[in-house]
Structure formats: C-alpha cells, structure tokens
Amino acid sequence: MPQPSQIRRSAIDGYVLTLSWSPEHCRGRERDPAGRFQCSGEIGDFGFVLHGLWPEAKEPNHPQYCRTVGVLPRRVVAENICLSPSPQLLQHQWAKHGSCMARTPEAYFGAARLLFNAIEFPDMARLSREPERGTPLTAQVLAERFADLNEGLTSDAIIVKTTDKGWLDEVRICLGRNFKPRQCPQFSRLAPGKTQIKIWRGR
C-alpha cells in the first residue's frame, strides 16, 4: 500500500512509454528467484521489455497511486508476461500508474501493448559493437536510430537512461495526451545527447 504522501492526483498532460533493456537489467540476476521469468532464460532471452506506461503532468510531480486497486487477475498477468516479464512489475505498474489512467487493468495494459508493439527496434547487437569498431555510440545516436525506424518519432521525443557506469538502461518515449510522440519536457531529460553509452549484449 502506498503512503499518503505518495498519492498524487495531478492532471495528466502526456505519457511516457518506458522500455527497459533486459540484458542490462538481468546482469548478475540470472539466478535470482525474483527475476526468474525475465532473467533465467527459461522462457527465452529478452531484448527491450516494457517497464511501464506512465502518465505525466506539466511538472515533475506526475500522478501516481490515484486509487486503491486489487490484485491483477491471473488472466491479465498471462496476457502481458511476455511484454513485462515479472508479475510483480505488472502489479506495481497497474497500482502506481495504471490507477491514474484507466478504469480496468485490461484497458491500461491493452494501451501499453498497442504502443509497444508498434515500435520498430534498431539492431541492438550491431549497435553494441560500434564502439568496438572505433565508432563512438552516444545517447543522441541511439535516439536517432529509433527515430529513423519509426514514422512520426523524432529524436527529441526520446530519452536515454544509462547506469552510473554508462551502460544502456532504458529508452523512454515521450507522448502527448493523444499518445502521439512529442518533444520531451525539459524536466524529464536524462543522459545528454553527447553522452557515450555502452550496450550489454547479455550472455
């Protein structure tokens, strides 16, 4: 249950579709029971997975935990486990973010699936080897590769998040209230465009 101080019901001004780079998330977690679905390899190896679809406000204090929600039905978990390969993550996203966006988990995850499945992803294995060939890979270059493959998506609608050691962690796509890409608000910027990044390929 969230603390009262965590509950925020601010007006929605847009959304962020957050994509987690699974090989980096799973590094060192291959035998962690809590990460079994995503990291053990039992149901395959993942590339980008959906961290979440988050409502945004006109300021950093985005809406969250707008109302109390129940435990996700097993059917909803089963329908989305390949998109977000953690039952705990699915429950958390519905409680924290979905509760502010949709009346039902089916509607919330349905919207997230449509957005995620519409994305064309760059060849991440090839991109990961560019620094090894002497071509620096920056956050801006990665954003541009996404933009080149997706009509209507511009590089300024993309945020790249890295770990403290410069490894790719997440790619976030900023969306307007109509769920179309928009320039990311200034307060949401993470890695500067010139930041050099590395991509962990996994096992």
N, C-alpha and C. Protein backbone atom coordinates (compact mmCIF):
# COMPACT_ATOMS: atom_id res chain seq x y z
N MET A 1 0.84 -1.19 0.00
CA MET A 1 0.00 0.00 0.00
C MET A 1 0.89 1.26 0.00
N PRO A 2 0.54 2.26 -0.83
CA PRO A 2 1.34 3.48 -0.83
C PRO A 2 1.10 4.30 0.43
N GLN A 3 2.10 5.08 0.80
CA GLN A 3 1.94 6.02 1.89
C GLN A 3 1.10 7.21 1.40
N PRO A 4 0.38 7.86 2.31
CA PRO A 4 -0.42 9.03 1.89
C PRO A 4 0.40 10.07 1.13
N SER A 5 1.66 10.23 1.50
CA SER A 5 2.50 11.22 0.83
C SER A 5 2.83 10.85 -0.61
N GLN A 6 2.65 9.56 -0.97
CA GLN A 6 2.95 9.10 -2.32
C GLN A 6 1.78 9.31 -3.28
N ILE A 7 0.60 9.54 -2.77
CA ILE A 7 -0.59 9.67 -3.61
C ILE A 7 -0.62 11.06 -4.24
N ARG A 8 -0.68 11.09 -5.58
CA ARG A 8 -0.76 12.36 -6.31
C ARG A 8 -1.79 12.23 -7.43
N ARG A 9 -2.73 13.14 -7.46
CA ARG A 9 -3.79 13.09 -8.47
C ARG A 9 -3.73 14.31 -9.38
N SER A 10 -2.54 14.68 -9.79
CA SER A 10 -2.37 15.84 -10.67
C SER A 10 -2.91 15.53 -12.07
N ALA A 11 -3.24 16.59 -12.81
CA ALA A 11 -3.82 16.43 -14.14
C ALA A 11 -2.80 15.83 -15.10
N ILE A 12 -3.27 14.98 -16.00
CA ILE A 12 -2.40 14.32 -16.97
C ILE A 12 -2.16 15.24 -18.17
N ASP A 13 -0.87 15.45 -18.49
CA ASP A 13 -0.51 16.30 -19.62
C ASP A 13 0.12 15.50 -20.75
N GLY A 14 0.46 14.25 -20.51
CA GLY A 14 1.09 13.40 -21.50
C GLY A 14 1.47 12.07 -20.87
N TYR A 15 2.27 11.32 -21.58
CA TYR A 15 2.64 9.98 -21.11
C TYR A 15 4.10 9.69 -21.47
N VAL A 16 4.65 8.69 -20.81
CA VAL A 16 5.98 8.19 -21.15
C VAL A 16 5.90 6.67 -21.29
N LEU A 17 6.33 6.17 -22.42
CA LEU A 17 6.44 4.74 -22.63
C LEU A 17 7.88 4.36 -22.33
N THR A 18 8.09 3.59 -21.27
CA THR A 18 9.43 3.29 -20.78
C THR A 18 9.82 1.86 -21.13
N LEU A 19 10.92 1.74 -21.87
CA LEU A 19 11.41 0.45 -22.36
C LEU A 19 12.71 0.11 -21.64
N SER A 20 12.73 -1.01 -21.00
CA SER A 20 13.92 -1.43 -20.25
C SER A 20 14.76 -2.38 -21.11
N TRP A 21 16.07 -2.16 -21.10
CA TRP A 21 16.98 -3.05 -21.84
C TRP A 21 17.27 -4.25 -20.94
N SER A 22 16.65 -5.37 -21.25
CA SER A 22 16.66 -6.53 -20.37
C SER A 22 18.04 -7.11 -20.10
N PRO A 23 18.93 -7.22 -21.10
CA PRO A 23 20.26 -7.78 -20.79
C PRO A 23 20.97 -7.03 -19.67
N GLU A 24 20.84 -5.71 -19.64
CA GLU A 24 21.47 -4.94 -18.57
C GLU A 24 20.77 -5.18 -17.24
N HIS A 25 19.44 -5.17 -17.26
CA HIS A 25 18.69 -5.42 -16.02
C HIS A 25 19.04 -6.77 -15.42
N CYS A 26 19.24 -7.77 -16.28
CA CYS A 26 19.44 -9.14 -15.81
C CYS A 26 20.90 -9.46 -15.48
N ARG A 27 21.80 -8.55 -15.77
CA ARG A 27 23.21 -8.83 -15.49
C ARG A 27 23.39 -9.06 -13.99
N GLY A 28 23.84 -10.27 -13.64
CA GLY A 28 24.03 -10.64 -12.25
C GLY A 28 22.77 -11.13 -11.55
N ARG A 29 21.63 -11.13 -12.26
CA ARG A 29 20.37 -11.58 -11.67
C ARG A 29 19.90 -12.91 -12.25
N GLU A 30 20.77 -13.60 -13.00
CA GLU A 30 20.35 -14.80 -13.70
C GLU A 30 19.80 -15.88 -12.77
N ARG A 31 20.29 -15.91 -11.54
CA ARG A 31 19.85 -16.95 -10.59
C ARG A 31 18.99 -16.38 -9.47
N ASP A 32 18.58 -15.17 -9.61
CA ASP A 32 17.74 -14.53 -8.60
C ASP A 32 16.30 -15.01 -8.78
N PRO A 33 15.71 -15.68 -7.79
CA PRO A 33 14.34 -16.18 -7.94
C PRO A 33 13.34 -15.07 -8.26
N ALA A 34 13.58 -13.86 -7.77
CA ALA A 34 12.66 -12.76 -8.02
C ALA A 34 12.66 -12.35 -9.50
N GLY A 35 13.75 -12.65 -10.21
CA GLY A 35 13.83 -12.30 -11.62
C GLY A 35 13.74 -13.49 -12.54
N ARG A 36 13.15 -14.58 -12.06
CA ARG A 36 13.16 -15.84 -12.79
C ARG A 36 12.57 -15.71 -14.20
N PHE A 37 11.41 -15.11 -14.33
CA PHE A 37 10.76 -15.04 -15.64
C PHE A 37 11.63 -14.29 -16.65
N GLN A 38 12.22 -13.20 -16.21
CA GLN A 38 12.94 -12.34 -17.14
C GLN A 38 14.38 -12.76 -17.34
N CYS A 39 15.03 -13.26 -16.30
CA CYS A 39 16.49 -13.38 -16.34
C CYS A 39 17.05 -14.80 -16.38
N SER A 40 16.24 -15.81 -16.08
CA SER A 40 16.79 -17.16 -16.00
C SER A 40 17.02 -17.79 -17.36
N GLY A 41 16.36 -17.27 -18.39
CA GLY A 41 16.46 -17.88 -19.72
C GLY A 41 15.47 -19.00 -19.94
N GLU A 42 14.67 -19.34 -18.94
CA GLU A 42 13.74 -20.46 -19.05
C GLU A 42 12.67 -20.23 -20.12
N ILE A 43 12.26 -18.97 -20.31
CA ILE A 43 11.24 -18.70 -21.34
C ILE A 43 11.83 -17.84 -22.45
N GLY A 44 13.14 -17.87 -22.59
CA GLY A 44 13.80 -17.14 -23.65
C GLY A 44 14.57 -15.94 -23.13
N ASP A 45 15.35 -15.35 -24.01
CA ASP A 45 16.11 -14.15 -23.69
C ASP A 45 15.40 -12.93 -24.26
N PHE A 46 15.31 -11.90 -23.47
CA PHE A 46 14.59 -10.70 -23.86
C PHE A 46 15.54 -9.61 -24.29
N GLY A 47 15.05 -8.74 -25.18
CA GLY A 47 15.75 -7.52 -25.54
C GLY A 47 15.11 -6.37 -24.77
N PHE A 48 14.40 -5.51 -25.49
CA PHE A 48 13.63 -4.48 -24.82
C PHE A 48 12.34 -5.07 -24.28
N VAL A 49 12.00 -4.73 -23.06
CA VAL A 49 10.72 -5.10 -22.47
C VAL A 49 10.04 -3.83 -21.98
N LEU A 50 8.76 -3.92 -21.73
CA LEU A 50 8.02 -2.76 -21.27
C LEU A 50 8.17 -2.61 -19.77
N HIS A 51 8.84 -1.53 -19.36
CA HIS A 51 8.87 -1.20 -17.94
C HIS A 51 7.52 -0.65 -17.52
N GLY A 52 7.00 0.30 -18.30
CA GLY A 52 5.69 0.81 -17.97
C GLY A 52 5.23 1.92 -18.89
N LEU A 53 3.95 2.22 -18.80
CA LEU A 53 3.34 3.37 -19.46
C LEU A 53 2.92 4.31 -18.34
N TRP A 54 3.56 5.49 -18.31
CA TRP A 54 3.41 6.38 -17.16
C TRP A 54 2.71 7.67 -17.55
N PRO A 55 1.72 8.10 -16.78
CA PRO A 55 1.14 9.42 -17.00
C PRO A 55 2.08 10.51 -16.50
N GLU A 56 2.11 11.63 -17.21
CA GLU A 56 2.96 12.75 -16.85
C GLU A 56 2.10 13.99 -16.58
N ALA A 57 2.61 14.89 -15.77
CA ALA A 57 1.98 16.18 -15.53
C ALA A 57 2.79 17.26 -16.22
N LYS A 58 2.43 18.51 -16.03
CA LYS A 58 3.19 19.61 -16.62
C LYS A 58 4.43 19.94 -15.81
N GLU A 59 4.65 19.20 -14.75
CA GLU A 59 5.79 19.39 -13.86
C GLU A 59 6.28 18.02 -13.41
N PRO A 60 7.41 17.95 -12.73
CA PRO A 60 7.96 16.64 -12.35
C PRO A 60 7.05 15.78 -11.48
N ASN A 61 6.14 16.37 -10.71
CA ASN A 61 5.30 15.58 -9.80
C ASN A 61 4.16 14.92 -10.56
N HIS A 62 4.47 13.82 -11.23
CA HIS A 62 3.48 13.11 -12.05
C HIS A 62 2.43 12.43 -11.17
N PRO A 63 1.24 12.18 -11.71
CA PRO A 63 0.22 11.48 -10.93
C PRO A 63 0.63 10.04 -10.65
N GLN A 64 0.27 9.55 -9.47
CA GLN A 64 0.56 8.16 -9.13
C GLN A 64 -0.34 7.72 -7.97
N TYR A 65 -0.59 6.41 -7.93
CA TYR A 65 -1.42 5.81 -6.88
C TYR A 65 -2.73 6.59 -6.70
N CYS A 66 -3.44 6.79 -7.81
CA CYS A 66 -4.63 7.63 -7.77
C CYS A 66 -5.80 6.98 -7.03
N ARG A 67 -5.81 5.67 -6.97
CA ARG A 67 -6.86 4.98 -6.22
C ARG A 67 -6.36 3.59 -5.84
N THR A 68 -7.03 2.97 -4.93
CA THR A 68 -6.66 1.61 -4.50
C THR A 68 -7.12 0.60 -5.54
N VAL A 69 -6.25 -0.31 -5.89
CA VAL A 69 -6.59 -1.35 -6.87
C VAL A 69 -6.34 -2.72 -6.25
N GLY A 70 -6.99 -3.72 -6.80
CA GLY A 70 -6.84 -5.07 -6.30
C GLY A 70 -5.71 -5.81 -7.00
N VAL A 71 -5.57 -7.08 -6.64
CA VAL A 71 -4.56 -7.94 -7.26
C VAL A 71 -4.97 -8.22 -8.70
N LEU A 72 -4.01 -8.18 -9.60
CA LEU A 72 -4.29 -8.44 -11.01
C LEU A 72 -4.82 -9.85 -11.21
N PRO A 73 -5.84 -10.03 -12.02
CA PRO A 73 -6.29 -11.39 -12.36
C PRO A 73 -5.19 -12.17 -13.06
N ARG A 74 -5.16 -13.46 -12.84
CA ARG A 74 -4.14 -14.30 -13.48
C ARG A 74 -4.18 -14.17 -15.00
N ARG A 75 -5.37 -14.00 -15.55
CA ARG A 75 -5.50 -13.87 -16.99
C ARG A 75 -4.77 -12.64 -17.51
N VAL A 76 -4.86 -11.54 -16.79
CA VAL A 76 -4.18 -10.31 -17.20
C VAL A 76 -2.66 -10.49 -17.13
N VAL A 77 -2.19 -11.14 -16.08
CA VAL A 77 -0.75 -11.41 -15.96
C VAL A 77 -0.29 -12.28 -17.12
N ALA A 78 -1.06 -13.33 -17.43
CA ALA A 78 -0.68 -14.24 -18.51
C ALA A 78 -0.63 -13.53 -19.86
N GLU A 79 -1.55 -12.59 -20.08
CA GLU A 79 -1.61 -11.88 -21.36
C GLU A 79 -0.43 -10.92 -21.54
N ASN A 80 0.20 -10.52 -20.45
CA ASN A 80 1.21 -9.47 -20.53
C ASN A 80 2.59 -9.89 -20.05
N ILE A 81 2.76 -11.15 -19.66
CA ILE A 81 4.00 -11.58 -19.06
C ILE A 81 5.16 -11.56 -20.06
N CYS A 82 4.88 -11.68 -21.35
CA CYS A 82 5.95 -11.62 -22.34
C CYS A 82 6.32 -10.18 -22.68
N LEU A 83 5.45 -9.25 -22.33
CA LEU A 83 5.70 -7.83 -22.54
C LEU A 83 6.49 -7.25 -21.38
N SER A 84 6.05 -7.58 -20.17
CA SER A 84 6.70 -7.16 -18.93
C SER A 84 6.90 -8.42 -18.10
N PRO A 85 8.05 -9.10 -18.26
CA PRO A 85 8.20 -10.46 -17.72
C PRO A 85 8.44 -10.53 -16.22
N SER A 86 7.51 -9.95 -15.45
CA SER A 86 7.55 -10.03 -14.00
C SER A 86 6.16 -9.75 -13.45
N PRO A 87 5.53 -10.71 -12.80
CA PRO A 87 4.21 -10.46 -12.22
C PRO A 87 4.23 -9.30 -11.23
N GLN A 88 5.33 -9.19 -10.48
CA GLN A 88 5.44 -8.10 -9.51
C GLN A 88 5.49 -6.75 -10.21
N LEU A 89 6.22 -6.68 -11.33
CA LEU A 89 6.29 -5.43 -12.08
C LEU A 89 4.93 -5.06 -12.63
N LEU A 90 4.21 -6.02 -13.19
CA LEU A 90 2.88 -5.75 -13.73
C LEU A 90 1.95 -5.21 -12.64
N GLN A 91 1.98 -5.83 -11.48
CA GLN A 91 1.13 -5.37 -10.39
C GLN A 91 1.51 -3.95 -9.97
N HIS A 92 2.80 -3.70 -9.88
CA HIS A 92 3.28 -2.38 -9.45
C HIS A 92 2.87 -1.29 -10.46
N GLN A 93 3.03 -1.59 -11.75
CA GLN A 93 2.70 -0.60 -12.77
C GLN A 93 1.21 -0.28 -12.76
N TRP A 94 0.38 -1.29 -12.57
CA TRP A 94 -1.06 -1.06 -12.53
C TRP A 94 -1.42 -0.21 -11.31
N ALA A 95 -0.84 -0.53 -10.17
CA ALA A 95 -1.17 0.20 -8.94
C ALA A 95 -0.66 1.64 -8.99
N LYS A 96 0.58 1.83 -9.43
CA LYS A 96 1.18 3.16 -9.37
C LYS A 96 0.74 4.06 -10.52
N HIS A 97 0.72 3.51 -11.73
CA HIS A 97 0.47 4.33 -12.91
C HIS A 97 -0.90 4.08 -13.55
N GLY A 98 -1.23 2.81 -13.71
CA GLY A 98 -2.49 2.48 -14.36
C GLY A 98 -3.71 2.99 -13.61
N SER A 99 -3.60 3.07 -12.29
CA SER A 99 -4.72 3.54 -11.48
C SER A 99 -5.08 4.99 -11.79
N CYS A 100 -4.17 5.73 -12.41
CA CYS A 100 -4.42 7.12 -12.76
C CYS A 100 -4.88 7.29 -14.20
N MET A 101 -4.87 6.18 -14.97
CA MET A 101 -5.12 6.29 -16.41
C MET A 101 -6.34 5.54 -16.90
N ALA A 102 -6.67 4.43 -16.27
CA ALA A 102 -7.70 3.56 -16.82
C ALA A 102 -8.58 2.99 -15.72
N ARG A 103 -9.79 2.63 -16.10
CA ARG A 103 -10.72 2.06 -15.11
C ARG A 103 -10.43 0.59 -14.86
N THR A 104 -9.83 -0.09 -15.85
CA THR A 104 -9.56 -1.52 -15.70
C THR A 104 -8.12 -1.82 -16.11
N PRO A 105 -7.53 -2.89 -15.56
CA PRO A 105 -6.18 -3.27 -15.99
C PRO A 105 -6.15 -3.70 -17.45
N GLU A 106 -7.25 -4.27 -17.95
CA GLU A 106 -7.30 -4.68 -19.35
C GLU A 106 -7.12 -3.47 -20.27
N ALA A 107 -7.76 -2.36 -19.91
CA ALA A 107 -7.63 -1.15 -20.73
C ALA A 107 -6.22 -0.57 -20.63
N TYR A 108 -5.68 -0.56 -19.43
CA TYR A 108 -4.34 0.01 -19.24
C TYR A 108 -3.29 -0.80 -20.00
N PHE A 109 -3.26 -2.09 -19.79
CA PHE A 109 -2.24 -2.91 -20.45
C PHE A 109 -2.52 -3.05 -21.94
N GLY A 110 -3.79 -2.97 -22.33
CA GLY A 110 -4.11 -3.01 -23.75
C GLY A 110 -3.49 -1.82 -24.49
N ALA A 111 -3.58 -0.63 -23.89
CA ALA A 111 -2.97 0.56 -24.49
C ALA A 111 -1.46 0.42 -24.54
N ALA A 112 -0.88 -0.09 -23.45
CA ALA A 112 0.57 -0.26 -23.41
C ALA A 112 1.04 -1.24 -24.48
N ARG A 113 0.30 -2.33 -24.66
CA ARG A 113 0.67 -3.33 -25.68
C ARG A 113 0.63 -2.73 -27.08
N LEU A 114 -0.42 -1.98 -27.37
CA LEU A 114 -0.53 -1.37 -28.70
C LEU A 114 0.66 -0.45 -28.99
N LEU A 115 1.02 0.35 -28.01
CA LEU A 115 2.14 1.28 -28.19
C LEU A 115 3.46 0.53 -28.34
N PHE A 116 3.68 -0.46 -27.49
CA PHE A 116 4.92 -1.22 -27.53
C PHE A 116 5.05 -1.99 -28.85
N ASN A 117 3.98 -2.64 -29.26
CA ASN A 117 4.04 -3.48 -30.46
C ASN A 117 4.17 -2.66 -31.74
N ALA A 118 3.90 -1.36 -31.66
CA ALA A 118 4.02 -0.51 -32.85
C ALA A 118 5.46 -0.05 -33.08
N ILE A 119 6.34 -0.30 -32.13
CA ILE A 119 7.72 0.20 -32.23
C ILE A 119 8.59 -0.74 -33.04
N GLU A 120 9.37 -0.15 -33.95
CA GLU A 120 10.43 -0.88 -34.65
C GLU A 120 11.73 -0.61 -33.90
N PHE A 121 12.44 -1.68 -33.54
CA PHE A 121 13.65 -1.52 -32.74
C PHE A 121 14.91 -1.62 -33.61
N PRO A 122 15.92 -0.83 -33.30
CA PRO A 122 17.19 -0.95 -34.02
C PRO A 122 17.85 -2.31 -33.76
N ASP A 123 18.81 -2.63 -34.58
CA ASP A 123 19.62 -3.83 -34.39
C ASP A 123 20.58 -3.55 -33.23
N MET A 124 20.19 -3.98 -32.04
CA MET A 124 20.95 -3.64 -30.86
C MET A 124 22.29 -4.36 -30.79
N ALA A 125 22.35 -5.57 -31.31
CA ALA A 125 23.63 -6.30 -31.32
C ALA A 125 24.64 -5.56 -32.18
N ARG A 126 24.19 -5.08 -33.33
CA ARG A 126 25.09 -4.32 -34.21
C ARG A 126 25.50 -3.01 -33.57
N LEU A 127 24.53 -2.31 -32.98
CA LEU A 127 24.84 -1.05 -32.31
C LEU A 127 25.85 -1.24 -31.19
N SER A 128 25.71 -2.34 -30.46
CA SER A 128 26.59 -2.58 -29.31
C SER A 128 28.03 -2.76 -29.73
N ARG A 129 28.25 -3.15 -30.99
CA ARG A 129 29.61 -3.41 -31.47
C ARG A 129 30.25 -2.18 -32.11
N GLU A 130 29.49 -1.12 -32.32
CA GLU A 130 30.05 0.05 -32.98
C GLU A 130 31.22 0.65 -32.21
N PRO A 131 31.13 0.80 -30.87
CA PRO A 131 32.31 1.32 -30.15
C PRO A 131 33.53 0.41 -30.28
N GLU A 132 33.29 -0.90 -30.40
CA GLU A 132 34.41 -1.84 -30.55
C GLU A 132 35.11 -1.64 -31.89
N ARG A 133 34.37 -1.06 -32.86
CA ARG A 133 34.94 -0.80 -34.19
C ARG A 133 35.47 0.62 -34.30
N GLY A 134 35.46 1.34 -33.18
CA GLY A 134 36.00 2.69 -33.19
C GLY A 134 35.01 3.79 -33.44
N THR A 135 33.72 3.45 -33.51
CA THR A 135 32.68 4.46 -33.72
C THR A 135 31.97 4.72 -32.40
N PRO A 136 32.17 5.89 -31.79
CA PRO A 136 31.52 6.15 -30.51
C PRO A 136 29.99 6.09 -30.64
N LEU A 137 29.34 5.50 -29.66
CA LEU A 137 27.89 5.43 -29.63
C LEU A 137 27.40 6.38 -28.54
N THR A 138 26.61 7.34 -28.94
CA THR A 138 26.10 8.32 -27.98
C THR A 138 24.60 8.16 -27.79
N ALA A 139 24.09 8.81 -26.74
CA ALA A 139 22.65 8.80 -26.49
C ALA A 139 21.90 9.38 -27.68
N GLN A 140 22.45 10.43 -28.29
CA GLN A 140 21.80 11.05 -29.45
C GLN A 140 21.75 10.10 -30.63
N VAL A 141 22.83 9.37 -30.87
CA VAL A 141 22.86 8.42 -31.99
C VAL A 141 21.79 7.34 -31.78
N LEU A 142 21.69 6.82 -30.56
CA LEU A 142 20.69 5.79 -30.29
C LEU A 142 19.28 6.34 -30.51
N ALA A 143 19.03 7.56 -30.04
CA ALA A 143 17.72 8.18 -30.24
C ALA A 143 17.43 8.34 -31.73
N GLU A 144 18.44 8.72 -32.51
CA GLU A 144 18.25 8.90 -33.94
C GLU A 144 17.97 7.57 -34.64
N ARG A 145 18.60 6.49 -34.19
CA ARG A 145 18.34 5.18 -34.79
C ARG A 145 16.89 4.76 -34.55
N PHE A 146 16.37 5.03 -33.36
CA PHE A 146 14.96 4.76 -33.11
C PHE A 146 14.07 5.62 -34.01
N ALA A 147 14.40 6.90 -34.10
CA ALA A 147 13.59 7.82 -34.89
C ALA A 147 13.59 7.43 -36.37
N ASP A 148 14.74 7.00 -36.88
CA ASP A 148 14.83 6.63 -38.30
C ASP A 148 13.88 5.48 -38.66
N LEU A 149 13.63 4.60 -37.70
CA LEU A 149 12.83 3.40 -37.97
C LEU A 149 11.34 3.58 -37.72
N ASN A 150 10.97 4.69 -37.07
CA ASN A 150 9.59 4.84 -36.63
C ASN A 150 9.01 6.16 -37.14
N GLU A 151 8.06 6.07 -38.04
CA GLU A 151 7.45 7.25 -38.63
C GLU A 151 6.77 8.10 -37.55
N GLY A 152 7.03 9.38 -37.58
CA GLY A 152 6.43 10.30 -36.62
C GLY A 152 7.20 10.44 -35.33
N LEU A 153 8.22 9.61 -35.14
CA LEU A 153 9.03 9.67 -33.92
C LEU A 153 10.30 10.44 -34.20
N THR A 154 10.53 11.51 -33.44
CA THR A 154 11.74 12.31 -33.61
C THR A 154 12.68 12.07 -32.43
N SER A 155 13.95 12.36 -32.63
CA SER A 155 14.93 12.07 -31.58
C SER A 155 14.69 12.88 -30.32
N ASP A 156 14.06 14.06 -30.44
CA ASP A 156 13.82 14.86 -29.24
C ASP A 156 12.62 14.35 -28.43
N ALA A 157 11.96 13.29 -28.92
CA ALA A 157 10.89 12.64 -28.18
C ALA A 157 11.41 11.42 -27.42
N ILE A 158 12.74 11.25 -27.41
CA ILE A 158 13.35 10.05 -26.83
C ILE A 158 14.35 10.45 -25.75
N ILE A 159 14.25 9.77 -24.62
CA ILE A 159 15.19 9.95 -23.51
C ILE A 159 15.96 8.64 -23.34
N VAL A 160 17.26 8.74 -23.21
CA VAL A 160 18.10 7.57 -22.96
C VAL A 160 18.59 7.62 -21.53
N LYS A 161 18.39 6.55 -20.82
CA LYS A 161 18.84 6.45 -19.42
C LYS A 161 19.95 5.41 -19.34
N THR A 162 21.02 5.75 -18.66
CA THR A 162 22.15 4.83 -18.51
C THR A 162 22.39 4.54 -17.03
N THR A 163 23.17 3.50 -16.79
CA THR A 163 23.62 3.22 -15.43
C THR A 163 24.73 4.19 -15.07
N ASP A 164 25.15 4.14 -13.83
CA ASP A 164 26.24 5.02 -13.39
C ASP A 164 27.53 4.76 -14.15
N LYS A 165 27.66 3.55 -14.71
CA LYS A 165 28.87 3.20 -15.45
C LYS A 165 28.72 3.37 -16.96
N GLY A 166 27.60 3.97 -17.38
CA GLY A 166 27.45 4.29 -18.80
C GLY A 166 26.81 3.22 -19.66
N TRP A 167 26.25 2.18 -19.05
CA TRP A 167 25.58 1.13 -19.82
C TRP A 167 24.12 1.50 -20.05
N LEU A 168 23.60 1.18 -21.22
CA LEU A 168 22.20 1.46 -21.53
C LEU A 168 21.29 0.76 -20.53
N ASP A 169 20.37 1.53 -19.98
CA ASP A 169 19.42 1.00 -19.00
C ASP A 169 17.99 1.04 -19.56
N GLU A 170 17.58 2.22 -20.03
CA GLU A 170 16.22 2.38 -20.53
C GLU A 170 16.18 3.36 -21.70
N VAL A 171 15.15 3.20 -22.52
CA VAL A 171 14.78 4.19 -23.52
C VAL A 171 13.35 4.61 -23.22
N ARG A 172 13.13 5.91 -23.11
CA ARG A 172 11.81 6.43 -22.78
C ARG A 172 11.30 7.28 -23.94
N ILE A 173 10.07 7.03 -24.32
CA ILE A 173 9.45 7.75 -25.43
C ILE A 173 8.36 8.65 -24.88
N CYS A 174 8.48 9.94 -25.14
CA CYS A 174 7.52 10.92 -24.62
C CYS A 174 6.33 11.02 -25.57
N LEU A 175 5.14 11.00 -25.00
CA LEU A 175 3.90 11.01 -25.77
C LEU A 175 2.99 12.13 -25.27
N GLY A 176 2.22 12.71 -26.18
CA GLY A 176 1.22 13.69 -25.79
C GLY A 176 -0.03 13.02 -25.25
N ARG A 177 -1.01 13.82 -24.94
CA ARG A 177 -2.26 13.27 -24.42
C ARG A 177 -2.97 12.41 -25.45
N ASN A 178 -2.63 12.60 -26.72
CA ASN A 178 -3.20 11.77 -27.79
C ASN A 178 -2.37 10.53 -28.08
N PHE A 179 -1.38 10.28 -27.25
CA PHE A 179 -0.48 9.12 -27.36
C PHE A 179 0.42 9.19 -28.60
N LYS A 180 0.56 10.37 -29.20
CA LYS A 180 1.49 10.56 -30.30
C LYS A 180 2.80 11.13 -29.74
N PRO A 181 3.94 10.79 -30.37
CA PRO A 181 5.22 11.30 -29.86
C PRO A 181 5.25 12.82 -29.80
N ARG A 182 5.90 13.33 -28.78
CA ARG A 182 6.09 14.77 -28.63
C ARG A 182 7.48 15.02 -28.05
N GLN A 183 7.95 16.25 -28.17
CA GLN A 183 9.24 16.60 -27.57
C GLN A 183 9.16 16.41 -26.06
N CYS A 184 10.19 15.80 -25.51
CA CYS A 184 10.20 15.53 -24.07
C CYS A 184 10.30 16.83 -23.28
N PRO A 185 9.55 16.95 -22.20
CA PRO A 185 9.68 18.15 -21.35
C PRO A 185 11.10 18.29 -20.83
N GLN A 186 11.51 19.51 -20.63
CA GLN A 186 12.88 19.77 -20.19
C GLN A 186 13.19 19.08 -18.87
N PHE A 187 12.21 19.02 -17.96
CA PHE A 187 12.48 18.44 -16.64
C PHE A 187 12.72 16.94 -16.69
N SER A 188 12.37 16.30 -17.81
CA SER A 188 12.48 14.85 -17.87
C SER A 188 13.77 14.38 -18.54
N ARG A 189 14.62 15.29 -18.98
CA ARG A 189 15.83 14.88 -19.68
C ARG A 189 16.79 14.12 -18.75
N LEU A 190 17.41 13.09 -19.30
CA LEU A 190 18.36 12.29 -18.51
C LEU A 190 19.74 12.40 -19.14
N ALA A 191 20.17 11.38 -19.85
CA ALA A 191 21.51 11.41 -20.44
C ALA A 191 21.59 12.48 -21.53
N PRO A 192 22.55 13.44 -21.43
CA PRO A 192 22.72 14.41 -22.51
C PRO A 192 23.05 13.70 -23.83
N GLY A 193 22.71 14.34 -24.94
CA GLY A 193 22.88 13.70 -26.24
C GLY A 193 24.29 13.25 -26.54
N LYS A 194 25.29 13.97 -26.03
CA LYS A 194 26.68 13.63 -26.32
C LYS A 194 27.24 12.55 -25.40
N THR A 195 26.43 12.10 -24.44
CA THR A 195 26.89 11.05 -23.52
C THR A 195 27.20 9.77 -24.27
N GLN A 196 28.40 9.25 -24.12
CA GLN A 196 28.74 7.98 -24.74
C GLN A 196 28.17 6.83 -23.93
N ILE A 197 27.56 5.88 -24.63
CA ILE A 197 26.91 4.76 -23.95
C ILE A 197 27.47 3.44 -24.46
N LYS A 198 27.28 2.43 -23.63
CA LYS A 198 27.65 1.05 -23.97
C LYS A 198 26.41 0.20 -23.85
N ILE A 199 26.33 -0.85 -24.65
CA ILE A 199 25.17 -1.74 -24.64
C ILE A 199 25.63 -3.14 -24.27
N TRP A 200 25.11 -3.66 -23.15
CA TRP A 200 25.45 -5.01 -22.73
C TRP A 200 24.62 -6.00 -23.53
N ARG A 201 25.30 -6.97 -24.16
CA ARG A 201 24.60 -7.91 -25.01
C ARG A 201 24.06 -9.13 -24.27
N GLY A 202 24.43 -9.28 -23.05
CA GLY A 202 23.96 -10.43 -22.28
C GLY A 202 24.88 -11.62 -22.42
N ARG A 203 24.30 -12.78 -22.14
CA ARG A 203 25.11 -13.99 -22.11
C ARG A 203 25.62 -14.38 -23.47
